[in-house]
């Protein structure tokens, strides 16, 4: 009787391990997708900021700095 209980316990443990691995893989994929979205958001914000800077300054203003003495 105890051997059948051990076999059942081993089967349950194996099933739980399989579910944990599947969940870990899904979470890893979700994290990768979220990281990619954050990178895209930062790149978009950077591009928008560059456009704002370009449109806010008159030509030749703020683009060079004379540091000669």
C-alpha atoms as a PDB file:
ATOM      1  CA  UNK A   1       0.000   0.000   0.000  1.00  0.00           C
ATOM      2  CA  UNK A   2       2.763   2.428   0.839  1.00  0.00           C
ATOM      3  CA  UNK A   3       4.424   1.872  -2.540  1.00  0.00           C
ATOM      4  CA  UNK A   4       1.268   2.966  -4.349  1.00  0.00           C
ATOM      5  CA  UNK A   5       1.122   6.056  -2.142  1.00  0.00           C
ATOM      6  CA  UNK A   6       4.764   6.793  -2.955  1.00  0.00           C
ATOM      7  CA  UNK A   7       4.082   6.395  -6.677  1.00  0.00           C
ATOM      8  CA  UNK A   8       1.051   8.701  -6.437  1.00  0.00           C
ATOM      9  CA  UNK A   9       3.063  11.254  -4.450  1.00  0.00           C
ATOM     10  CA  UNK A  10       5.852  11.128  -7.019  1.00  0.00           C
ATOM     11  CA  UNK A  11       3.341  11.619  -9.836  1.00  0.00           C
ATOM     12  CA  UNK A  12       1.794  14.611  -8.070  1.00  0.00           C
ATOM     13  CA  UNK A  13       5.230  16.101  -7.412  1.00  0.00           C
ATOM     14  CA  UNK A  14       6.230  15.612 -11.048  1.00  0.00           C
ATOM     15  CA  UNK A  15       3.014  17.270 -12.200  1.00  0.00           C
ATOM     16  CA  UNK A  16       3.571  20.209  -9.856  1.00  0.00           C
ATOM     17  CA  UNK A  17       7.119  20.608 -11.134  1.00  0.00           C
ATOM     18  CA  UNK A  18       5.862  20.613 -14.707  1.00  0.00           C
ATOM     19  CA  UNK A  19       3.265  23.276 -13.896  1.00  0.00           C
ATOM     20  CA  UNK A  20       5.889  25.381 -12.107  1.00  0.00           C
ATOM     21  CA  UNK A  21       8.209  25.182 -15.118  1.00  0.00           C
ATOM     22  CA  UNK A  22       5.392  26.193 -17.473  1.00  0.00           C
ATOM     23  CA  UNK A  23       4.504  29.149 -15.257  1.00  0.00           C
ATOM     24  CA  UNK A  24       8.149  30.194 -14.966  1.00  0.00           C
ATOM     25  CA  UNK A  25       8.480  30.123 -18.757  1.00  0.00           C
ATOM     26  CA  UNK A  26       5.305  32.178 -19.167  1.00  0.00           C
ATOM     27  CA  UNK A  27       6.459  34.752 -16.608  1.00  0.00           C
ATOM     28  CA  UNK A  28       9.877  34.976 -18.250  1.00  0.00           C
ATOM     29  CA  UNK A  29       8.214  35.637 -21.605  1.00  0.00           C
ATOM     30  CA  UNK A  30       5.942  38.268 -20.042  1.00  0.00           C
ATOM     31  CA  UNK A  31       8.951  39.998 -18.467  1.00  0.00           C
ATOM     32  CA  UNK A  32      10.761  40.014 -21.808  1.00  0.00           C
ATOM     33  CA  UNK A  33       7.718  41.519 -23.508  1.00  0.00           C
ATOM     34  CA  UNK A  34       7.385  44.147 -20.778  1.00  0.00           C
ATOM     35  CA  UNK A  35      11.066  45.048 -21.022  1.00  0.00           C
ATOM     36  CA  UNK A  36      10.713  45.415 -24.782  1.00  0.00           C
ATOM     37  CA  UNK A  37       7.701  47.693 -24.295  1.00  0.00           C
ATOM     38  CA  UNK A  38       9.627  49.846 -21.831  1.00  0.00           C
ATOM     39  CA  UNK A  39      12.514  50.176 -24.281  1.00  0.00           C
ATOM     40  CA  UNK A  40      10.119  51.204 -27.049  1.00  0.00           C
ATOM     41  CA  UNK A  41       8.493  53.756 -24.742  1.00  0.00           C
ATOM     42  CA  UNK A  42      11.860  55.259 -23.793  1.00  0.00           C
ATOM     43  CA  UNK A  43      12.967  55.423 -27.436  1.00  0.00           C
ATOM     44  CA  UNK A  44       9.720  57.120 -28.402  1.00  0.00           C
ATOM     45  CA  UNK A  45      10.045  59.632 -25.567  1.00  0.00           C
ATOM     46  CA  UNK A  46      13.618  60.356 -26.635  1.00  0.00           C
ATOM     47  CA  UNK A  47      12.544  60.948 -30.233  1.00  0.00           C
ATOM     48  CA  UNK A  48       9.738  63.252 -29.080  1.00  0.00           C
ATOM     49  CA  UNK A  49      12.112  65.183 -26.849  1.00  0.00           C
ATOM     50  CA  UNK A  50      14.556  65.626 -29.743  1.00  0.00           C
ATOM     51  CA  UNK A  51      11.720  66.997 -31.893  1.00  0.00           C
ATOM     52  CA  UNK A  52      10.702  69.421 -29.135  1.00  0.00           C
ATOM     53  CA  UNK A  53      14.274  70.639 -28.715  1.00  0.00           C
ATOM     54  CA  UNK A  54      14.673  71.128 -32.459  1.00  0.00           C
ATOM     55  CA  UNK A  55      11.434  73.062 -32.790  1.00  0.00           C
ATOM     56  CA  UNK A  56      11.939  75.169 -29.648  1.00  0.00           C
ATOM     57  CA  UNK A  57      15.234  76.751 -30.656  1.00  0.00           C
ATOM     58  CA  UNK A  58      15.865  79.150 -33.466  1.00  0.00           C
ATOM     59  CA  UNK A  59      18.404  78.085 -36.088  1.00  0.00           C
ATOM     60  CA  UNK A  60      21.928  78.513 -34.746  1.00  0.00           C
ATOM     61  CA  UNK A  61      20.812  79.053 -31.138  1.00  0.00           C
ATOM     62  CA  UNK A  62      22.067  76.592 -28.583  1.00  0.00           C
ATOM     63  CA  UNK A  63      23.903  74.425 -31.048  1.00  0.00           C
ATOM     64  CA  UNK A  64      27.465  75.692 -30.547  1.00  0.00           C
ATOM     65  CA  UNK A  65      29.407  77.027 -27.622  1.00  0.00           C
ATOM     66  CA  UNK A  66      32.491  79.196 -28.014  1.00  0.00           C
ATOM     67  CA  UNK A  67      34.866  78.395 -25.160  1.00  0.00           C
ATOM     68  CA  UNK A  68      37.939  80.142 -26.578  1.00  0.00           C
ATOM     69  CA  UNK A  69      39.741  82.548 -24.303  1.00  0.00           C
END
